[in-house]
Each structure stands twice: as C-alpha cells, then as structure tokens.
Amino acid sequence: MRIVIQRVLSASVAIEGRVVSAIGPGLLVLVGVENGDGESDAAWLTAKTSNLRIFDDENGVMNRSVKDVGGELLAVSQFTLTASTKKGNRPAYIRAAGHELAIPLYEKYCELLATECGKPVLKGVFGANMQVQLINDGPVTIIIDSKLKE
C-alpha cells in the first residue's frame, strides 16, 4: 500500500458538485492499494499515520501527531498512486489491486485509523470521480509505502 499524507487546515471531497466529506485541521490521506497488499500493510500504515509527528508543538517544532493535536481525518482511495511511469509517458496501473482486494484494505485502513485515533475517519467514495480540495498546511506532504518501510 502507498499513502500520501497531507497536513491540512481543511479538506473536502465532492462528487458531482455535492460535498460528501469535509474536515478542518488534520490529515488528508490518499490511499493506493497494490496487488499483494494485505492487512499487515494496512496495520503498519495505520501506526505510521497516527503517530507521525508532523504537527507543531508550542515551540513551533514538528513534534506532535494527529492524535496529540486531536486533528480530523479524511482518507480518499486513489488507485493512481500505484502508477508505473517506467516506460513511455502513459502511466501503467498494472500494480493496482482490483476492487475485491482494494476496497476491503482501504476500509480496513480507515477502520484501524479510526480506532487508533479515537475518532471517525471521513472518506471519499471508492471508485467515484471525486474532486478533492485542500488547504495544505506548511505545506507538509509525506509519502509512505508499506513495501519500502521508509
């Protein structure tokens, strides 16, 4: 699994002009599921997401997690995170998991994150054409891949 975490002042997801989810200060997480991913990937990424110290403390140093600051959470499925651009200029999505694997792992990640942070994780709509708006705070954007464990 591959995620992109963005520290935001606000973020929202709209479908056909209607907002389906919106948060204030917290994290917008884009979630991509690849073939071969499993629940252990979702669990590892949950721990990273919930404990990542990317919020400022009283000294202006990034030393607090989303749990520490009580931030809100929005997770949006995004299969394009699995793109391969190795050949040519048209991305290939052959690593992207099909719905039968991707949906349950995306849902598992959201469930684990909600439990870990003690608050609901708002979501987009899996497979929908979504318009995501955000005000990135910093900007702070972190990419984490469960296979690389960096």
C-alpha atoms as a PDB file:
ATOM      1  CA  MET A   1       0.000   0.000   0.000  1.00  0.00           C
ATOM      2  CA  ARG A   2       1.097   3.507  -0.692  1.00  0.00           C
ATOM      3  CA  ILE A   3      -0.246   6.605   1.012  1.00  0.00           C
ATOM      4  CA  VAL A   4       0.240  10.334   0.647  1.00  0.00           C
ATOM      5  CA  ILE A   5      -0.333  12.206   3.900  1.00  0.00           C
ATOM      6  CA  GLN A   6      -1.027  15.916   3.762  1.00  0.00           C
ATOM      7  CA  ARG A   7      -1.290  18.115   6.823  1.00  0.00           C
ATOM      8  CA  VAL A   8      -4.246  20.366   6.092  1.00  0.00           C
ATOM      9  CA  LEU A   9      -6.107  23.327   7.502  1.00  0.00           C
ATOM     10  CA  SER A  10      -9.169  21.934   5.708  1.00  0.00           C
ATOM     11  CA  ALA A  11     -10.037  19.369   3.056  1.00  0.00           C
ATOM     12  CA  SER A  12     -13.170  18.156   1.306  1.00  0.00           C
ATOM     13  CA  VAL A  13     -14.382  15.654  -1.250  1.00  0.00           C
ATOM     14  CA  ALA A  14     -17.162  16.462  -3.694  1.00  0.00           C
ATOM     15  CA  ILE A  15     -18.917  14.285  -6.237  1.00  0.00           C
ATOM     16  CA  GLU A  16     -20.935  15.949  -8.997  1.00  0.00           C
ATOM     17  CA  GLY A  17     -20.757  19.253  -7.131  1.00  0.00           C
ATOM     18  CA  ARG A  18     -22.007  17.852  -3.808  1.00  0.00           C
ATOM     19  CA  VAL A  19     -19.644  17.738  -0.820  1.00  0.00           C
ATOM     20  CA  VAL A  20     -19.666  14.222   0.659  1.00  0.00           C
ATOM     21  CA  SER A  21     -16.954  14.711   3.304  1.00  0.00           C
ATOM     22  CA  ALA A  22     -15.157  17.679   4.812  1.00  0.00           C
ATOM     23  CA  ILE A  23     -12.684  18.199   7.651  1.00  0.00           C
ATOM     24  CA  GLY A  24     -10.972  21.042   9.433  1.00  0.00           C
ATOM     25  CA  PRO A  25      -7.364  20.898  10.644  1.00  0.00           C
ATOM     26  CA  GLY A  26      -5.880  17.406  10.436  1.00  0.00           C
ATOM     27  CA  LEU A  27      -4.769  14.930   7.813  1.00  0.00           C
ATOM     28  CA  LEU A  28      -5.909  14.211   4.283  1.00  0.00           C
ATOM     29  CA  VAL A  29      -4.642  10.748   3.348  1.00  0.00           C
ATOM     30  CA  LEU A  30      -4.687   9.460  -0.230  1.00  0.00           C
ATOM     31  CA  VAL A  31      -4.646   5.648  -0.213  1.00  0.00           C
ATOM     32  CA  GLY A  32      -3.464   3.343  -3.015  1.00  0.00           C
ATOM     33  CA  VAL A  33      -3.702  -0.442  -2.758  1.00  0.00           C
ATOM     34  CA  GLU A  34      -1.473  -2.715  -4.827  1.00  0.00           C
ATOM     35  CA  ASN A  35      -1.712  -6.376  -5.727  1.00  0.00           C
ATOM     36  CA  GLY A  36      -0.126  -8.434  -2.963  1.00  0.00           C
ATOM     37  CA  ASP A  37      -1.011  -5.992  -0.178  1.00  0.00           C
ATOM     38  CA  GLY A  38      -2.605  -7.373   2.961  1.00  0.00           C
ATOM     39  CA  GLU A  39      -3.934  -6.426   6.376  1.00  0.00           C
ATOM     40  CA  SER A  40      -0.401  -6.190   7.754  1.00  0.00           C
ATOM     41  CA  ASP A  41       0.260  -3.350   5.273  1.00  0.00           C
ATOM     42  CA  ALA A  42      -2.869  -1.539   6.464  1.00  0.00           C
ATOM     43  CA  ALA A  43      -1.871  -2.019  10.112  1.00  0.00           C
ATOM     44  CA  TRP A  44       1.689  -0.773   9.552  1.00  0.00           C
ATOM     45  CA  LEU A  45       0.446   2.300   7.680  1.00  0.00           C
ATOM     46  CA  THR A  46      -2.125   2.987  10.385  1.00  0.00           C
ATOM     47  CA  ALA A  47       0.612   3.118  13.026  1.00  0.00           C
ATOM     48  CA  LYS A  48       2.707   5.415  10.851  1.00  0.00           C
ATOM     49  CA  THR A  49      -0.204   7.727  10.045  1.00  0.00           C
ATOM     50  CA  SER A  50      -1.479   8.069  13.599  1.00  0.00           C
ATOM     51  CA  ASN A  51       1.942   8.565  15.195  1.00  0.00           C
ATOM     52  CA  LEU A  52       3.718  10.654  12.544  1.00  0.00           C
ATOM     53  CA  ARG A  53       4.952  13.784  14.304  1.00  0.00           C
ATOM     54  CA  ILE A  54       4.186  16.472  11.732  1.00  0.00           C
ATOM     55  CA  PHE A  55       2.211  18.980  13.824  1.00  0.00           C
ATOM     56  CA  ASP A  56       3.903  21.857  15.614  1.00  0.00           C
ATOM     57  CA  ASP A  57       4.409  21.896  19.362  1.00  0.00           C
ATOM     58  CA  GLU A  58       4.430  25.072  21.481  1.00  0.00           C
ATOM     59  CA  ASN A  59       7.937  25.872  20.158  1.00  0.00           C
ATOM     60  CA  GLY A  60       6.959  25.610  16.500  1.00  0.00           C
ATOM     61  CA  VAL A  61       8.761  22.287  16.077  1.00  0.00           C
ATOM     62  CA  MET A  62       7.023  19.399  14.288  1.00  0.00           C
ATOM     63  CA  ASN A  63       6.799  17.168  17.332  1.00  0.00           C
ATOM     64  CA  ARG A  64       3.112  16.213  17.654  1.00  0.00           C
ATOM     65  CA  SER A  65       0.978  13.601  15.939  1.00  0.00           C
ATOM     66  CA  VAL A  66      -2.570  13.904  14.670  1.00  0.00           C
ATOM     67  CA  LYS A  67      -3.618  12.042  17.842  1.00  0.00           C
ATOM     68  CA  ASP A  68      -1.764  14.545  20.025  1.00  0.00           C
ATOM     69  CA  VAL A  69      -3.492  17.553  18.461  1.00  0.00           C
ATOM     70  CA  GLY A  70      -6.941  15.952  18.037  1.00  0.00           C
ATOM     71  CA  GLY A  71      -6.828  16.520  14.291  1.00  0.00           C
ATOM     72  CA  GLU A  72      -9.529  15.364  11.912  1.00  0.00           C
ATOM     73  CA  LEU A  73      -9.005  12.614   9.331  1.00  0.00           C
ATOM     74  CA  LEU A  74     -10.088  12.212   5.712  1.00  0.00           C
ATOM     75  CA  ALA A  75      -8.998   9.166   3.694  1.00  0.00           C
ATOM     76  CA  VAL A  76      -9.534   9.048  -0.066  1.00  0.00           C
ATOM     77  CA  SER A  77      -8.908   5.986  -2.233  1.00  0.00           C
ATOM     78  CA  GLN A  78      -6.619   6.747  -5.170  1.00  0.00           C
ATOM     79  CA  PHE A  79      -5.528   3.914  -7.435  1.00  0.00           C
ATOM     80  CA  THR A  80      -3.271   6.266  -9.436  1.00  0.00           C
ATOM     81  CA  LEU A  81      -0.765   6.158  -6.543  1.00  0.00           C
ATOM     82  CA  THR A  82       0.218   2.743  -7.897  1.00  0.00           C
ATOM     83  CA  ALA A  83       1.197   4.151 -11.303  1.00  0.00           C
ATOM     84  CA  SER A  84       4.333   2.993 -13.041  1.00  0.00           C
ATOM     85  CA  THR A  85       5.957   5.560 -15.316  1.00  0.00           C
ATOM     86  CA  LYS A  86       8.944   3.417 -16.218  1.00  0.00           C
ATOM     87  CA  LYS A  87       8.057   3.102 -19.896  1.00  0.00           C
ATOM     88  CA  GLY A  88       6.844   5.952 -22.040  1.00  0.00           C
ATOM     89  CA  ASN A  89       4.640   8.797 -20.915  1.00  0.00           C
ATOM     90  CA  ARG A  90       1.383   6.995 -20.256  1.00  0.00           C
ATOM     91  CA  PRO A  91       1.207   5.674 -16.681  1.00  0.00           C
ATOM     92  CA  ALA A  92       0.519   1.976 -16.252  1.00  0.00           C
ATOM     93  CA  TYR A  93      -1.684   0.812 -13.414  1.00  0.00           C
ATOM     94  CA  ILE A  94      -0.937  -2.916 -13.563  1.00  0.00           C
ATOM     95  CA  ARG A  95       0.108  -2.918  -9.891  1.00  0.00           C
ATOM     96  CA  ALA A  96      -3.248  -1.507  -8.758  1.00  0.00           C
ATOM     97  CA  ALA A  97      -5.348  -4.012  -6.849  1.00  0.00           C
ATOM     98  CA  GLY A  98      -8.809  -4.827  -8.144  1.00  0.00           C
ATOM     99  CA  HIS A  99     -11.930  -3.892  -6.195  1.00  0.00           C
ATOM    100  CA  GLU A 100     -12.077  -7.294  -4.466  1.00  0.00           C
ATOM    101  CA  LEU A 101      -8.794  -6.543  -2.639  1.00  0.00           C
ATOM    102  CA  ALA A 102      -8.623  -2.744  -2.717  1.00  0.00           C
ATOM    103  CA  ILE A 103     -11.987  -1.997  -1.118  1.00  0.00           C
ATOM    104  CA  PRO A 104     -11.544  -4.251   1.931  1.00  0.00           C
ATOM    105  CA  LEU A 105      -7.976  -2.999   2.549  1.00  0.00           C
ATOM    106  CA  TYR A 106      -8.967   0.653   2.170  1.00  0.00           C
ATOM    107  CA  GLU A 107     -11.858   0.059   4.573  1.00  0.00           C
ATOM    108  CA  LYS A 108      -9.563  -1.825   6.985  1.00  0.00           C
ATOM    109  CA  TYR A 109      -7.060   1.034   6.970  1.00  0.00           C
ATOM    110  CA  CYS A 110      -9.859   3.523   7.740  1.00  0.00           C
ATOM    111  CA  GLU A 111     -11.255   1.292  10.499  1.00  0.00           C
ATOM    112  CA  LEU A 112      -7.855   0.799  12.140  1.00  0.00           C
ATOM    113  CA  LEU A 113      -7.042   4.504  11.881  1.00  0.00           C
ATOM    114  CA  ALA A 114     -10.357   5.455  13.486  1.00  0.00           C
ATOM    115  CA  THR A 115      -9.708   3.057  16.361  1.00  0.00           C
ATOM    116  CA  GLU A 116      -6.120   4.211  16.814  1.00  0.00           C
ATOM    117  CA  CYS A 117      -7.018   7.921  16.771  1.00  0.00           C
ATOM    118  CA  GLY A 118     -10.295   7.583  18.672  1.00  0.00           C
ATOM    119  CA  LYS A 119     -12.314   9.489  16.105  1.00  0.00           C
ATOM    120  CA  PRO A 120     -14.101   8.789  12.838  1.00  0.00           C
ATOM    121  CA  VAL A 121     -12.228   8.763   9.554  1.00  0.00           C
ATOM    122  CA  LEU A 122     -14.249  10.537   6.900  1.00  0.00           C
ATOM    123  CA  LYS A 123     -13.998   9.087   3.408  1.00  0.00           C
ATOM    124  CA  GLY A 124     -14.463   9.690  -0.241  1.00  0.00           C
ATOM    125  CA  VAL A 125     -16.466   7.243  -2.349  1.00  0.00           C
ATOM    126  CA  PHE A 126     -14.405   4.337  -3.649  1.00  0.00           C
ATOM    127  CA  GLY A 127     -14.189   4.334  -7.451  1.00  0.00           C
ATOM    128  CA  ALA A 128     -16.075   7.606  -7.876  1.00  0.00           C
ATOM    129  CA  ASN A 129     -14.858  10.591  -9.860  1.00  0.00           C
ATOM    130  CA  MET A 130     -14.091  12.863  -6.913  1.00  0.00           C
ATOM    131  CA  GLN A 131     -12.967  16.446  -6.657  1.00  0.00           C
ATOM    132  CA  VAL A 132     -10.664  16.863  -3.678  1.00  0.00           C
ATOM    133  CA  GLN A 133      -9.970  20.329  -2.306  1.00  0.00           C
ATOM    134  CA  LEU A 134      -7.467  21.091   0.395  1.00  0.00           C
ATOM    135  CA  ILE A 135      -5.516  23.819   2.032  1.00  0.00           C
ATOM    136  CA  ASN A 136      -2.161  22.179   2.686  1.00  0.00           C
ATOM    137  CA  ASP A 137      -0.671  23.468   5.917  1.00  0.00           C
ATOM    138  CA  GLY A 138       3.043  24.167   5.590  1.00  0.00           C
ATOM    139  CA  PRO A 139       2.946  22.642   3.044  1.00  0.00           C
ATOM    140  CA  VAL A 140       3.572  19.280   4.681  1.00  0.00           C
ATOM    141  CA  THR A 141       3.251  16.242   2.406  1.00  0.00           C
ATOM    142  CA  ILE A 142       4.676  12.811   3.263  1.00  0.00           C
ATOM    143  CA  ILE A 143       4.687   9.717   1.015  1.00  0.00           C
ATOM    144  CA  ILE A 144       4.839   6.310   2.711  1.00  0.00           C
ATOM    145  CA  ASP A 145       4.997   2.904   1.039  1.00  0.00           C
ATOM    146  CA  SER A 146       4.392  -0.199   3.152  1.00  0.00           C
ATOM    147  CA  LYS A 147       6.733  -2.240   0.949  1.00  0.00           C
ATOM    148  CA  LEU A 148       9.673   0.166   1.359  1.00  0.00           C
ATOM    149  CA  LYS A 149       9.081   0.799   5.081  1.00  0.00           C
ATOM    150  CA  GLU A 150      10.992   4.081   4.912  1.00  0.00           C
END
